Amino acid sequence: MTGTYRHDEIAKLAYEFWQRRGHPFGSPEIDWYAAENTLAVRYSQEQSPFLGVPFESEEGPYRAL
């Protein structure tokens, strides 16, 4: 999952998340995984050829059965 972004980017964002959570003791992996996922989404959106193109299903809008 760390193909396009660097270790220092993840560490910086994880630290920011940790600060926002009030500097809790233990469980640093919570902030690390959140940072990895945030960066993965950010980079995938930047690289997507469909950015800004609304997706509409061929079957029409969702209907509850």
PDB file of N, CA and C in Angstrom:
ATOM      1  N   MET A   1       0.803  -1.196   0.000  1.00  0.00           N
ATOM      2  CA  MET A   1       0.000   0.000   0.000  1.00  0.00           C
ATOM      3  C   MET A   1       0.851   1.268   0.000  1.00  0.00           C
ATOM      4  N   THR A   2       2.120   1.184   0.236  1.00  0.00           N
ATOM      5  CA  THR A   2       2.965   2.375   0.318  1.00  0.00           C
ATOM      6  C   THR A   2       3.731   2.621  -0.967  1.00  0.00           C
ATOM      7  N   GLY A   3       3.138   2.336  -2.108  1.00  0.00           N
ATOM      8  CA  GLY A   3       3.832   2.462  -3.380  1.00  0.00           C
ATOM      9  C   GLY A   3       4.129   3.882  -3.799  1.00  0.00           C
ATOM     10  N   THR A   4       3.179   4.801  -3.688  1.00  0.00           N
ATOM     11  CA  THR A   4       3.353   6.133  -4.230  1.00  0.00           C
ATOM     12  C   THR A   4       3.742   7.188  -3.216  1.00  0.00           C
ATOM     13  N   TYR A   5       3.622   6.914  -1.968  1.00  0.00           N
ATOM     14  CA  TYR A   5       3.970   7.909  -0.969  1.00  0.00           C
ATOM     15  C   TYR A   5       5.073   7.382  -0.072  1.00  0.00           C
ATOM     16  N   ARG A   6       5.765   8.305   0.570  1.00  0.00           N
ATOM     17  CA  ARG A   6       6.951   7.954   1.330  1.00  0.00           C
ATOM     18  C   ARG A   6       6.649   7.786   2.811  1.00  0.00           C
ATOM     19  N   HIS A   7       7.572   7.126   3.472  1.00  0.00           N
ATOM     20  CA  HIS A   7       7.483   6.883   4.915  1.00  0.00           C
ATOM     21  C   HIS A   7       7.328   8.191   5.689  1.00  0.00           C
ATOM     22  N   ASP A   8       8.085   9.222   5.311  1.00  0.00           N
ATOM     23  CA  ASP A   8       8.019  10.485   6.049  1.00  0.00           C
ATOM     24  C   ASP A   8       6.669  11.182   5.877  1.00  0.00           C
ATOM     25  N   GLU A   9       6.016  10.991   4.720  1.00  0.00           N
ATOM     26  CA  GLU A   9       4.679  11.553   4.525  1.00  0.00           C
ATOM     27  C   GLU A   9       3.675  10.893   5.472  1.00  0.00           C
ATOM     28  N   ILE A  10       3.774   9.581   5.585  1.00  0.00           N
ATOM     29  CA  ILE A  10       2.879   8.837   6.475  1.00  0.00           C
ATOM     30  C   ILE A  10       3.135   9.255   7.914  1.00  0.00           C
ATOM     31  N   ALA A  11       4.405   9.332   8.303  1.00  0.00           N
ATOM     32  CA  ALA A  11       4.756   9.689   9.676  1.00  0.00           C
ATOM     33  C   ALA A  11       4.252  11.083  10.040  1.00  0.00           C
ATOM     34  N   LYS A  12       4.397  12.035   9.147  1.00  0.00           N
ATOM     35  CA  LYS A  12       3.952  13.400   9.411  1.00  0.00           C
ATOM     36  C   LYS A  12       2.435  13.449   9.601  1.00  0.00           C
ATOM     37  N   LEU A  13       1.705  12.788   8.719  1.00  0.00           N
ATOM     38  CA  LEU A  13       0.252  12.793   8.821  1.00  0.00           C
ATOM     39  C   LEU A  13      -0.218  12.011  10.047  1.00  0.00           C
ATOM     40  N   ALA A  14       0.433  10.895  10.344  1.00  0.00           N
ATOM     41  CA  ALA A  14       0.085  10.113  11.537  1.00  0.00           C
ATOM     42  C   ALA A  14       0.289  10.946  12.794  1.00  0.00           C
ATOM     43  N   TYR A  15       1.351  11.724  12.840  1.00  0.00           N
ATOM     44  CA  TYR A  15       1.612  12.596  13.992  1.00  0.00           C
ATOM     45  C   TYR A  15       0.509  13.647  14.131  1.00  0.00           C
ATOM     46  N   GLU A  16       0.076  14.213  12.994  1.00  0.00           N
ATOM     47  CA  GLU A  16      -1.009  15.186  13.031  1.00  0.00           C
ATOM     48  C   GLU A  16      -2.290  14.549  13.563  1.00  0.00           C
ATOM     49  N   PHE A  17      -2.593  13.332  13.112  1.00  0.00           N
ATOM     50  CA  PHE A  17      -3.777  12.624  13.601  1.00  0.00           C
ATOM     51  C   PHE A  17      -3.670  12.365  15.104  1.00  0.00           C
ATOM     52  N   TRP A  18      -2.495  11.967  15.547  1.00  0.00           N
ATOM     53  CA  TRP A  18      -2.271  11.695  16.971  1.00  0.00           C
ATOM     54  C   TRP A  18      -2.501  12.958  17.798  1.00  0.00           C
ATOM     55  N   GLN A  19      -2.008  14.097  17.294  1.00  0.00           N
ATOM     56  CA  GLN A  19      -2.214  15.358  18.002  1.00  0.00           C
ATOM     57  C   GLN A  19      -3.696  15.708  18.073  1.00  0.00           C
ATOM     58  N   ARG A  20      -4.406  15.512  16.973  1.00  0.00           N
ATOM     59  CA  ARG A  20      -5.838  15.823  16.943  1.00  0.00           C
ATOM     60  C   ARG A  20      -6.626  14.945  17.901  1.00  0.00           C
ATOM     61  N   ARG A  21      -6.142  13.723  18.141  1.00  0.00           N
ATOM     62  CA  ARG A  21      -6.833  12.819  19.058  1.00  0.00           C
ATOM     63  C   ARG A  21      -6.489  13.098  20.513  1.00  0.00           C
ATOM     64  N   GLY A  22      -5.665  14.106  20.764  1.00  0.00           N
ATOM     65  CA  GLY A  22      -5.354  14.504  22.131  1.00  0.00           C
ATOM     66  C   GLY A  22      -4.163  13.804  22.741  1.00  0.00           C
ATOM     67  N   HIS A  23      -3.224  13.335  21.926  1.00  0.00           N
ATOM     68  CA  HIS A  23      -1.989  12.698  22.381  1.00  0.00           C
ATOM     69  C   HIS A  23      -2.223  11.474  23.263  1.00  0.00           C
ATOM     70  N   PRO A  24      -3.080  10.553  22.852  1.00  0.00           N
ATOM     71  CA  PRO A  24      -3.341   9.389  23.717  1.00  0.00           C
ATOM     72  C   PRO A  24      -2.121   8.482  23.839  1.00  0.00           C
ATOM     73  N   PHE A  25      -2.047   7.759  24.943  1.00  0.00           N
ATOM     74  CA  PHE A  25      -0.956   6.827  25.177  1.00  0.00           C
ATOM     75  C   PHE A  25      -1.272   5.508  24.485  1.00  0.00           C
ATOM     76  N   GLY A  26      -0.292   4.942  23.786  1.00  0.00           N
ATOM     77  CA  GLY A  26      -0.441   3.630  23.153  1.00  0.00           C
ATOM     78  C   GLY A  26      -1.175   3.673  21.827  1.00  0.00           C
ATOM     79  N   SER A  27      -1.204   2.539  21.167  1.00  0.00           N
ATOM     80  CA  SER A  27      -1.906   2.343  19.896  1.00  0.00           C
ATOM     81  C   SER A  27      -1.502   3.301  18.777  1.00  0.00           C
ATOM     82  N   PRO A  28      -0.217   3.467  18.510  1.00  0.00           N
ATOM     83  CA  PRO A  28       0.196   4.361  17.424  1.00  0.00           C
ATOM     84  C   PRO A  28      -0.223   3.845  16.049  1.00  0.00           C
ATOM     85  N   GLU A  29      -0.506   2.539  15.965  1.00  0.00           N
ATOM     86  CA  GLU A  29      -0.892   1.978  14.666  1.00  0.00           C
ATOM     87  C   GLU A  29      -2.232   2.532  14.182  1.00  0.00           C
ATOM     88  N   ILE A  30      -3.076   2.999  15.088  1.00  0.00           N
ATOM     89  CA  ILE A  30      -4.348   3.597  14.694  1.00  0.00           C
ATOM     90  C   ILE A  30      -4.093   4.803  13.791  1.00  0.00           C
ATOM     91  N   ASP A  31      -3.212   5.690  14.238  1.00  0.00           N
ATOM     92  CA  ASP A  31      -2.908   6.892  13.468  1.00  0.00           C
ATOM     93  C   ASP A  31      -2.104   6.558  12.215  1.00  0.00           C
ATOM     94  N   TRP A  32      -1.228   5.565  12.311  1.00  0.00           N
ATOM     95  CA  TRP A  32      -0.412   5.173  11.160  1.00  0.00           C
ATOM     96  C   TRP A  32      -1.299   4.629  10.037  1.00  0.00           C
ATOM     97  N   TYR A  33      -2.214   3.720  10.380  1.00  0.00           N
ATOM     98  CA  TYR A  33      -3.106   3.144   9.361  1.00  0.00           C
ATOM     99  C   TYR A  33      -4.049   4.198   8.796  1.00  0.00           C
ATOM    100  N   ALA A  34      -4.519   5.108   9.637  1.00  0.00           N
ATOM    101  CA  ALA A  34      -5.380   6.189   9.161  1.00  0.00           C
ATOM    102  C   ALA A  34      -4.620   7.082   8.180  1.00  0.00           C
ATOM    103  N   ALA A  35      -3.369   7.357   8.476  1.00  0.00           N
ATOM    104  CA  ALA A  35      -2.549   8.179   7.578  1.00  0.00           C
ATOM    105  C   ALA A  35      -2.299   7.460   6.258  1.00  0.00           C
ATOM    106  N   GLU A  36      -1.979   6.164   6.321  1.00  0.00           N
ATOM    107  CA  GLU A  36      -1.784   5.394   5.088  1.00  0.00           C
ATOM    108  C   GLU A  36      -3.036   5.413   4.220  1.00  0.00           C
ATOM    109  N   ASN A  37      -4.167   5.184   4.847  1.00  0.00           N
ATOM    110  CA  ASN A  37      -5.422   5.153   4.090  1.00  0.00           C
ATOM    111  C   ASN A  37      -5.765   6.520   3.515  1.00  0.00           C
ATOM    112  N   THR A  38      -5.530   7.570   4.281  1.00  0.00           N
ATOM    113  CA  THR A  38      -5.802   8.924   3.801  1.00  0.00           C
ATOM    114  C   THR A  38      -4.942   9.247   2.590  1.00  0.00           C
ATOM    115  N   LEU A  39      -3.662   8.912   2.660  1.00  0.00           N
ATOM    116  CA  LEU A  39      -2.770   9.178   1.536  1.00  0.00           C
ATOM    117  C   LEU A  39      -3.119   8.319   0.325  1.00  0.00           C
ATOM    118  N   ALA A  40      -3.514   7.078   0.564  1.00  0.00           N
ATOM    119  CA  ALA A  40      -3.889   6.203  -0.547  1.00  0.00           C
ATOM    120  C   ALA A  40      -5.097   6.765  -1.288  1.00  0.00           C
ATOM    121  N   VAL A  41      -6.078   7.248  -0.542  1.00  0.00           N
ATOM    122  CA  VAL A  41      -7.265   7.840  -1.166  1.00  0.00           C
ATOM    123  C   VAL A  41      -6.892   9.119  -1.897  1.00  0.00           C
ATOM    124  N   ARG A  42      -6.087   9.948  -1.261  1.00  0.00           N
ATOM    125  CA  ARG A  42      -5.677  11.216  -1.869  1.00  0.00           C
ATOM    126  C   ARG A  42      -4.953  10.978  -3.202  1.00  0.00           C
ATOM    127  N   TYR A  43      -3.994  10.051  -3.197  1.00  0.00           N
ATOM    128  CA  TYR A  43      -3.235   9.782  -4.413  1.00  0.00           C
ATOM    129  C   TYR A  43      -4.082   9.090  -5.473  1.00  0.00           C
ATOM    130  N   SER A  44      -4.981   8.229  -5.075  1.00  0.00           N
ATOM    131  CA  SER A  44      -5.811   7.546  -6.066  1.00  0.00           C
ATOM    132  C   SER A  44      -6.759   8.534  -6.734  1.00  0.00           C
ATOM    133  N   GLN A  45      -7.244   9.520  -5.979  1.00  0.00           N
ATOM    134  CA  GLN A  45      -8.111  10.535  -6.571  1.00  0.00           C
ATOM    135  C   GLN A  45      -7.343  11.429  -7.531  1.00  0.00           C
ATOM    136  N   GLU A  46      -6.097  11.745  -7.192  1.00  0.00           N
ATOM    137  CA  GLU A  46      -5.278  12.586  -8.065  1.00  0.00           C
ATOM    138  C   GLU A  46      -4.926  11.872  -9.366  1.00  0.00           C
ATOM    139  N   GLN A  47      -4.775  10.555  -9.312  1.00  0.00           N
ATOM    140  CA  GLN A  47      -4.340   9.799 -10.471  1.00  0.00           C
ATOM    141  C   GLN A  47      -5.492   9.206 -11.269  1.00  0.00           C
ATOM    142  N   SER A  48      -6.705   9.353 -10.798  1.00  0.00           N
ATOM    143  CA  SER A  48      -7.850   8.743 -11.459  1.00  0.00           C
ATOM    144  C   SER A  48      -8.194   9.486 -12.748  1.00  0.00           C
ATOM    145  N   PRO A  49      -8.359   8.753 -13.841  1.00  0.00           N
ATOM    146  CA  PRO A  49      -8.769   9.404 -15.086  1.00  0.00           C
ATOM    147  C   PRO A  49     -10.237   9.828 -15.033  1.00  0.00           C
ATOM    148  N   PHE A  50     -10.975   9.360 -14.032  1.00  0.00           N
ATOM    149  CA  PHE A  50     -12.399   9.650 -13.925  1.00  0.00           C
ATOM    150  C   PHE A  50     -12.705  10.735 -12.896  1.00  0.00           C
ATOM    151  N   LEU A  51     -11.690  11.439 -12.449  1.00  0.00           N
ATOM    152  CA  LEU A  51     -11.871  12.478 -11.451  1.00  0.00           C
ATOM    153  C   LEU A  51     -12.839  13.529 -11.986  1.00  0.00           C
ATOM    154  N   GLY A  52     -13.883  13.785 -11.257  1.00  0.00           N
ATOM    155  CA  GLY A  52     -14.866  14.786 -11.664  1.00  0.00           C
ATOM    156  C   GLY A  52     -15.941  14.262 -12.588  1.00  0.00           C
ATOM    157  N   VAL A  53     -15.853  12.998 -12.962  1.00  0.00           N
ATOM    158  CA  VAL A  53     -16.864  12.408 -13.839  1.00  0.00           C
ATOM    159  C   VAL A  53     -17.857  11.657 -12.960  1.00  0.00           C
ATOM    160  N   PRO A  54     -19.120  12.078 -12.956  1.00  0.00           N
ATOM    161  CA  PRO A  54     -20.093  11.381 -12.116  1.00  0.00           C
ATOM    162  C   PRO A  54     -20.371   9.985 -12.654  1.00  0.00           C
ATOM    163  N   PHE A  55     -20.495   9.041 -11.765  1.00  0.00           N
ATOM    164  CA  PHE A  55     -20.772   7.666 -12.149  1.00  0.00           C
ATOM    165  C   PHE A  55     -22.259   7.401 -12.017  1.00  0.00           C
ATOM    166  N   GLU A  56     -22.846   6.905 -13.077  1.00  0.00           N
ATOM    167  CA  GLU A  56     -24.242   6.524 -13.041  1.00  0.00           C
ATOM    168  C   GLU A  56     -24.359   5.086 -13.511  1.00  0.00           C
ATOM    169  N   SER A  57     -25.035   4.290 -12.752  1.00  0.00           N
ATOM    170  CA  SER A  57     -25.208   2.894 -13.073  1.00  0.00           C
ATOM    171  C   SER A  57     -26.088   2.747 -14.307  1.00  0.00           C
ATOM    172  N   GLU A  58     -25.821   1.732 -15.109  1.00  0.00           N
ATOM    173  CA  GLU A  58     -26.653   1.449 -16.277  1.00  0.00           C
ATOM    174  C   GLU A  58     -28.044   0.993 -15.869  1.00  0.00           C
ATOM    175  N   GLU A  59     -28.169   0.517 -14.644  1.00  0.00           N
ATOM    176  CA  GLU A  59     -29.444   0.024 -14.161  1.00  0.00           C
ATOM    177  C   GLU A  59     -30.309   1.132 -13.583  1.00  0.00           C
ATOM    178  N   GLY A  60     -29.819   2.348 -13.581  1.00  0.00           N
ATOM    179  CA  GLY A  60     -30.587   3.453 -13.038  1.00  0.00           C
ATOM    180  C   GLY A  60     -30.333   3.638 -11.559  1.00  0.00           C
ATOM    181  N   PRO A  61     -31.077   4.506 -10.927  1.00  0.00           N
ATOM    182  CA  PRO A  61     -30.872   4.766  -9.513  1.00  0.00           C
ATOM    183  C   PRO A  61     -31.218   3.538  -8.666  1.00  0.00           C
ATOM    184  N   TYR A  62     -30.631   3.518  -7.478  1.00  0.00           N
ATOM    185  CA  TYR A  62     -30.861   2.412  -6.545  1.00  0.00           C
ATOM    186  C   TYR A  62     -32.320   2.410  -6.104  1.00  0.00           C
ATOM    187  N   ARG A  63     -32.887   1.227  -6.086  1.00  0.00           N
ATOM    188  CA  ARG A  63     -34.260   1.071  -5.594  1.00  0.00           C
ATOM    189  C   ARG A  63     -34.285  -0.002  -4.536  1.00  0.00           C
ATOM    190  N   ALA A  64     -34.915   0.278  -3.438  1.00  0.00           N
ATOM    191  CA  ALA A  64     -35.089  -0.727  -2.400  1.00  0.00           C
ATOM    192  C   ALA A  64     -36.161  -1.703  -2.826  1.00  0.00           C
ATOM    193  N   LEU A  65     -35.928  -2.963  -2.583  1.00  0.00           N
ATOM    194  CA  LEU A  65     -36.907  -3.976  -2.973  1.00  0.00           C
ATOM    195  C   LEU A  65     -37.890  -4.253  -1.880  1.00  0.00           C
TER     196      LEU A  65
END
